[in-house]
Amino acid sequence: MEAVNGIVLHQTSSGTAEDTFNAYRGRPKNEGTGSHFLIDRNGQIYQTASLDQVAWHVGRLRSRETEVKTCSKKEYDQNGPVVNNPEAMHRKEMLKEYPSRFPSNKDSVGIEVVAKFDEKRNEFERPTEDQLRSIHSLIEALKEKFSLTGKDVYRHGGISYKEVSEGCGLGYD
């Protein structure tokens, strides 16, 4: 990565770090690792990719202007043809520089937190106290290393076409 503009919080939909490592191993080589860090239920932090390496964790970007309601009526109307086309919206967003768009794979650090997804409740399980401490510690270290602020920390479900609740309850909502 040439620059780090953001930190993106994820949840794994798996019950253990080992399940996540197995999923990483099953990915095609050209897709690489899914994130830079993985935080297990006991709070142990694993670094799974170098911080200068692009990791495949964000996916297609939503429109920042549309999501945070900062676009004018004219801009909103211009987005109209691509609003329901995630691939087209992503291409349009990637023409912008951060912070006019959300951080992408090419300029963000991904942190996965081991958590199962409860389909009945339609949400991820709550992080453990150990995970919350590790999340906070890791984010503070990354913010310092890359001169980021709390505004540069994002929930995956808030910036990409993923489960909306992904990244909720991790202390950065």
C-alpha atoms as a PDB file:
ATOM      1  CA  MET A   1       0.000   0.000   0.000  1.00  0.00           C
ATOM      2  CA  GLU A   2       1.237   3.463  -0.799  1.00  0.00           C
ATOM      3  CA  ALA A   3      -0.786   5.056   2.026  1.00  0.00           C
ATOM      4  CA  VAL A   4      -3.072   4.019   4.871  1.00  0.00           C
ATOM      5  CA  ASN A   5      -6.106   6.264   5.125  1.00  0.00           C
ATOM      6  CA  GLY A   6      -8.388   4.133   7.255  1.00  0.00           C
ATOM      7  CA  ILE A   7      -9.006   1.123   9.444  1.00  0.00           C
ATOM      8  CA  VAL A   8     -11.920  -1.193   8.635  1.00  0.00           C
ATOM      9  CA  LEU A   9     -13.458  -3.434  11.310  1.00  0.00           C
ATOM     10  CA  HIS A  10     -14.874  -6.807  10.329  1.00  0.00           C
ATOM     11  CA  GLN A  11     -16.404  -9.849  11.994  1.00  0.00           C
ATOM     12  CA  THR A  12     -15.598 -13.326  10.739  1.00  0.00           C
ATOM     13  CA  SER A  13     -18.850 -15.330  10.843  1.00  0.00           C
ATOM     14  CA  SER A  14     -16.745 -18.112  12.355  1.00  0.00           C
ATOM     15  CA  GLY A  15     -16.331 -19.332  15.904  1.00  0.00           C
ATOM     16  CA  THR A  16     -12.549 -19.641  16.080  1.00  0.00           C
ATOM     17  CA  ALA A  17      -9.386 -18.114  14.692  1.00  0.00           C
ATOM     18  CA  GLU A  18      -8.499 -21.516  13.220  1.00  0.00           C
ATOM     19  CA  ASP A  19     -11.747 -21.526  11.190  1.00  0.00           C
ATOM     20  CA  THR A  20     -10.757 -18.140   9.772  1.00  0.00           C
ATOM     21  CA  PHE A  21      -7.210 -19.279   8.974  1.00  0.00           C
ATOM     22  CA  ASN A  22      -8.680 -22.272   7.146  1.00  0.00           C
ATOM     23  CA  ALA A  23     -10.900 -19.934   5.127  1.00  0.00           C
ATOM     24  CA  TYR A  24      -7.854 -17.835   4.211  1.00  0.00           C
ATOM     25  CA  ARG A  25      -6.008 -20.957   3.087  1.00  0.00           C
ATOM     26  CA  GLY A  26      -8.948 -21.870   0.855  1.00  0.00           C
ATOM     27  CA  ARG A  27      -8.891 -18.566  -1.036  1.00  0.00           C
ATOM     28  CA  PRO A  28      -7.438 -18.389  -4.540  1.00  0.00           C
ATOM     29  CA  LYS A  29      -3.820 -17.150  -4.492  1.00  0.00           C
ATOM     30  CA  ASN A  30      -4.705 -14.028  -6.470  1.00  0.00           C
ATOM     31  CA  GLU A  31      -7.163 -12.925  -3.744  1.00  0.00           C
ATOM     32  CA  GLY A  32      -4.564 -12.946  -0.968  1.00  0.00           C
ATOM     33  CA  THR A  33      -5.391 -12.529   2.684  1.00  0.00           C
ATOM     34  CA  GLY A  34      -8.725 -11.202   3.865  1.00  0.00           C
ATOM     35  CA  SER A  35      -7.329  -8.760   6.431  1.00  0.00           C
ATOM     36  CA  HIS A  36      -4.160  -7.563   8.111  1.00  0.00           C
ATOM     37  CA  PHE A  37      -5.101  -8.648  11.637  1.00  0.00           C
ATOM     38  CA  LEU A  38      -7.311 -11.231  13.309  1.00  0.00           C
ATOM     39  CA  ILE A  39      -8.459 -10.975  16.932  1.00  0.00           C
ATOM     40  CA  ASP A  40      -9.456 -14.257  18.562  1.00  0.00           C
ATOM     41  CA  ARG A  41     -12.121 -14.663  21.276  1.00  0.00           C
ATOM     42  CA  ASN A  42      -9.393 -14.662  23.971  1.00  0.00           C
ATOM     43  CA  GLY A  43      -8.067 -11.328  22.687  1.00  0.00           C
ATOM     44  CA  GLN A  44      -4.979 -12.732  20.981  1.00  0.00           C
ATOM     45  CA  ILE A  45      -4.002 -10.634  17.987  1.00  0.00           C
ATOM     46  CA  TYR A  46      -2.592 -12.325  14.890  1.00  0.00           C
ATOM     47  CA  GLN A  47      -1.000 -10.320  12.104  1.00  0.00           C
ATOM     48  CA  THR A  48      -2.041 -12.040   8.879  1.00  0.00           C
ATOM     49  CA  ALA A  49      -0.573  -9.642   6.299  1.00  0.00           C
ATOM     50  CA  SER A  50       2.176  -7.059   6.147  1.00  0.00           C
ATOM     51  CA  LEU A  51       1.013  -3.464   6.602  1.00  0.00           C
ATOM     52  CA  ASP A  52       2.500  -2.524   3.238  1.00  0.00           C
ATOM     53  CA  GLN A  53       0.487  -5.262   1.508  1.00  0.00           C
ATOM     54  CA  VAL A  54      -2.957  -4.742   0.014  1.00  0.00           C
ATOM     55  CA  ALA A  55      -5.410  -7.146   1.653  1.00  0.00           C
ATOM     56  CA  TRP A  56      -8.770  -8.095   0.135  1.00  0.00           C
ATOM     57  CA  HIS A  57     -11.167  -7.091   2.895  1.00  0.00           C
ATOM     58  CA  VAL A  58     -13.358  -4.171   1.834  1.00  0.00           C
ATOM     59  CA  GLY A  59     -15.097  -5.244  -1.352  1.00  0.00           C
ATOM     60  CA  ARG A  60     -17.194  -2.851  -3.392  1.00  0.00           C
ATOM     61  CA  LEU A  61     -17.568   0.610  -1.871  1.00  0.00           C
ATOM     62  CA  ARG A  62     -20.817   2.371  -1.194  1.00  0.00           C
ATOM     63  CA  SER A  63     -21.085   6.059  -2.058  1.00  0.00           C
ATOM     64  CA  ARG A  64     -19.782   8.077   0.883  1.00  0.00           C
ATOM     65  CA  GLU A  65     -21.810  11.104  -0.201  1.00  0.00           C
ATOM     66  CA  THR A  66     -25.019   9.085  -0.271  1.00  0.00           C
ATOM     67  CA  GLU A  67     -24.357   7.121   2.948  1.00  0.00           C
ATOM     68  CA  VAL A  68     -23.451  10.109   5.106  1.00  0.00           C
ATOM     69  CA  LYS A  69     -26.018  12.347   3.406  1.00  0.00           C
ATOM     70  CA  THR A  70     -23.513  15.006   2.343  1.00  0.00           C
ATOM     71  CA  CYS A  71     -24.336  15.117  -1.344  1.00  0.00           C
ATOM     72  CA  SER A  72     -26.448  17.813  -2.911  1.00  0.00           C
ATOM     73  CA  LYS A  73     -29.676  17.022  -4.740  1.00  0.00           C
ATOM     74  CA  LYS A  74     -27.755  17.389  -8.025  1.00  0.00           C
ATOM     75  CA  GLU A  75     -25.037  14.932  -6.889  1.00  0.00           C
ATOM     76  CA  TYR A  76     -27.662  12.510  -5.611  1.00  0.00           C
ATOM     77  CA  ASP A  77     -29.473  12.654  -8.968  1.00  0.00           C
ATOM     78  CA  GLN A  78     -26.159  12.057 -10.775  1.00  0.00           C
ATOM     79  CA  ASN A  79     -25.669   8.904  -8.673  1.00  0.00           C
ATOM     80  CA  GLY A  80     -29.144   7.709  -9.634  1.00  0.00           C
ATOM     81  CA  PRO A  81     -28.133   5.395 -12.494  1.00  0.00           C
ATOM     82  CA  VAL A  82     -25.573   3.550 -10.331  1.00  0.00           C
ATOM     83  CA  VAL A  83     -27.278   3.512  -6.905  1.00  0.00           C
ATOM     84  CA  ASN A  84     -28.623  -0.011  -7.427  1.00  0.00           C
ATOM     85  CA  ASN A  85     -25.512  -1.266  -9.233  1.00  0.00           C
ATOM     86  CA  PRO A  86     -22.793  -1.973  -6.631  1.00  0.00           C
ATOM     87  CA  GLU A  87     -20.077  -2.620  -9.234  1.00  0.00           C
ATOM     88  CA  ALA A  88     -20.779   0.656 -11.066  1.00  0.00           C
ATOM     89  CA  MET A  89     -20.961   2.577  -7.789  1.00  0.00           C
ATOM     90  CA  HIS A  90     -17.629   1.103  -6.685  1.00  0.00           C
ATOM     91  CA  ARG A  91     -15.960   2.096  -9.969  1.00  0.00           C
ATOM     92  CA  LYS A  92     -17.324   5.627  -9.595  1.00  0.00           C
ATOM     93  CA  GLU A  93     -16.139   5.879  -5.977  1.00  0.00           C
ATOM     94  CA  MET A  94     -12.636   4.617  -6.807  1.00  0.00           C
ATOM     95  CA  LEU A  95     -12.134   7.626  -9.087  1.00  0.00           C
ATOM     96  CA  LYS A  96     -12.224   9.803  -5.954  1.00  0.00           C
ATOM     97  CA  GLU A  97      -9.483  10.381  -3.412  1.00  0.00           C
ATOM     98  CA  TYR A  98      -9.931   9.709   0.303  1.00  0.00           C
ATOM     99  CA  PRO A  99     -11.708  11.233   2.247  1.00  0.00           C
ATOM    100  CA  SER A 100     -14.179  11.986  -0.554  1.00  0.00           C
ATOM    101  CA  ARG A 101     -14.742   8.221  -0.668  1.00  0.00           C
ATOM    102  CA  PHE A 102     -14.563   5.495   1.958  1.00  0.00           C
ATOM    103  CA  PRO A 103     -11.232   3.686   2.380  1.00  0.00           C
ATOM    104  CA  SER A 104     -10.695   0.769   0.023  1.00  0.00           C
ATOM    105  CA  ASN A 105      -8.500  -2.322  -0.102  1.00  0.00           C
ATOM    106  CA  LYS A 106      -5.676  -0.233  -1.531  1.00  0.00           C
ATOM    107  CA  ASP A 107      -5.532   2.243   1.366  1.00  0.00           C
ATOM    108  CA  SER A 108      -6.882   0.649   4.537  1.00  0.00           C
ATOM    109  CA  VAL A 109      -5.900  -1.802   7.236  1.00  0.00           C
ATOM    110  CA  GLY A 110      -8.413  -4.585   7.866  1.00  0.00           C
ATOM    111  CA  ILE A 111      -9.071  -6.021  11.333  1.00  0.00           C
ATOM    112  CA  GLU A 112     -11.156  -9.198  11.618  1.00  0.00           C
ATOM    113  CA  VAL A 113     -12.756 -10.040  14.972  1.00  0.00           C
ATOM    114  CA  VAL A 114     -13.774 -13.672  15.520  1.00  0.00           C
ATOM    115  CA  ALA A 115     -17.556 -13.700  15.972  1.00  0.00           C
ATOM    116  CA  LYS A 116     -20.359 -15.999  14.894  1.00  0.00           C
ATOM    117  CA  PHE A 117     -23.327 -14.622  13.004  1.00  0.00           C
ATOM    118  CA  ASP A 118     -26.710 -15.363  14.575  1.00  0.00           C
ATOM    119  CA  GLU A 119     -29.155 -15.719  11.682  1.00  0.00           C
ATOM    120  CA  LYS A 120     -32.210 -15.725  13.965  1.00  0.00           C
ATOM    121  CA  ARG A 121     -31.290 -12.351  15.468  1.00  0.00           C
ATOM    122  CA  ASN A 122     -29.613 -11.170  12.249  1.00  0.00           C
ATOM    123  CA  GLU A 123     -26.521  -9.922  14.052  1.00  0.00           C
ATOM    124  CA  PHE A 124     -23.035 -10.924  15.118  1.00  0.00           C
ATOM    125  CA  GLU A 125     -22.307 -12.120  18.637  1.00  0.00           C
ATOM    126  CA  ARG A 126     -20.955  -9.503  21.012  1.00  0.00           C
ATOM    127  CA  PRO A 127     -17.175  -9.264  21.376  1.00  0.00           C
ATOM    128  CA  THR A 128     -15.581 -10.521  24.574  1.00  0.00           C
ATOM    129  CA  GLU A 129     -13.965  -8.097  27.009  1.00  0.00           C
ATOM    130  CA  ASP A 130     -10.580  -9.471  25.910  1.00  0.00           C
ATOM    131  CA  GLN A 131     -11.438  -8.729  22.275  1.00  0.00           C
ATOM    132  CA  LEU A 132     -12.591  -5.202  23.117  1.00  0.00           C
ATOM    133  CA  ARG A 133      -9.294  -4.470  24.902  1.00  0.00           C
ATOM    134  CA  SER A 134      -7.307  -5.855  21.970  1.00  0.00           C
ATOM    135  CA  ILE A 135      -9.384  -3.940  19.409  1.00  0.00           C
ATOM    136  CA  HIS A 136      -8.832  -0.692  21.296  1.00  0.00           C
ATOM    137  CA  SER A 137      -5.102  -1.320  21.775  1.00  0.00           C
ATOM    138  CA  LEU A 138      -4.516  -2.274  18.135  1.00  0.00           C
ATOM    139  CA  ILE A 139      -6.533   0.625  16.760  1.00  0.00           C
ATOM    140  CA  GLU A 140      -4.714   3.122  18.980  1.00  0.00           C
ATOM    141  CA  ALA A 141      -1.341   1.769  17.790  1.00  0.00           C
ATOM    142  CA  LEU A 142      -2.432   1.922  14.130  1.00  0.00           C
ATOM    143  CA  LYS A 143      -3.852   5.430  14.514  1.00  0.00           C
ATOM    144  CA  GLU A 144      -0.536   6.592  15.939  1.00  0.00           C
ATOM    145  CA  LYS A 145       1.562   4.777  13.297  1.00  0.00           C
ATOM    146  CA  PHE A 146      -0.429   6.183  10.369  1.00  0.00           C
ATOM    147  CA  SER A 147      -1.502   9.564  11.877  1.00  0.00           C
ATOM    148  CA  LEU A 148      -5.189   8.639  11.778  1.00  0.00           C
ATOM    149  CA  THR A 149      -8.087   9.805  13.944  1.00  0.00           C
ATOM    150  CA  GLY A 150     -11.232   8.116  15.209  1.00  0.00           C
ATOM    151  CA  LYS A 151     -12.993   9.415  12.081  1.00  0.00           C
ATOM    152  CA  ASP A 152     -10.749   7.117  10.025  1.00  0.00           C
ATOM    153  CA  VAL A 153     -12.087   3.948  11.710  1.00  0.00           C
ATOM    154  CA  TYR A 154     -15.000   2.304   9.878  1.00  0.00           C
ATOM    155  CA  ARG A 155     -17.400  -0.615  10.247  1.00  0.00           C
ATOM    156  CA  HIS A 156     -17.334  -2.876   7.200  1.00  0.00           C
ATOM    157  CA  GLY A 157     -21.130  -2.937   7.011  1.00  0.00           C
ATOM    158  CA  GLY A 158     -21.216   0.860   6.854  1.00  0.00           C
ATOM    159  CA  ILE A 159     -18.960   1.305   3.831  1.00  0.00           C
ATOM    160  CA  SER A 160     -19.404  -1.765   1.654  1.00  0.00           C
ATOM    161  CA  TYR A 161     -22.102  -4.084   0.377  1.00  0.00           C
ATOM    162  CA  LYS A 162     -21.925  -6.498   3.332  1.00  0.00           C
ATOM    163  CA  GLU A 163     -24.080  -7.429   6.319  1.00  0.00           C
ATOM    164  CA  VAL A 164     -25.102  -4.015   7.706  1.00  0.00           C
ATOM    165  CA  SER A 165     -24.394  -5.069  11.302  1.00  0.00           C
ATOM    166  CA  GLU A 166     -20.816  -6.161  10.518  1.00  0.00           C
ATOM    167  CA  GLY A 167     -18.462  -4.193  12.722  1.00  0.00           C
ATOM    168  CA  CYS A 168     -21.185  -3.032  15.135  1.00  0.00           C
ATOM    169  CA  GLY A 169     -20.565  -3.310  18.863  1.00  0.00           C
ATOM    170  CA  LEU A 170     -16.785  -3.213  18.531  1.00  0.00           C
ATOM    171  CA  GLY A 171     -16.469   0.157  20.228  1.00  0.00           C
ATOM    172  CA  TYR A 172     -16.339   2.304  17.076  1.00  0.00           C
ATOM    173  CA  ASP A 173     -20.011   2.695  16.137  1.00  0.00           C
END
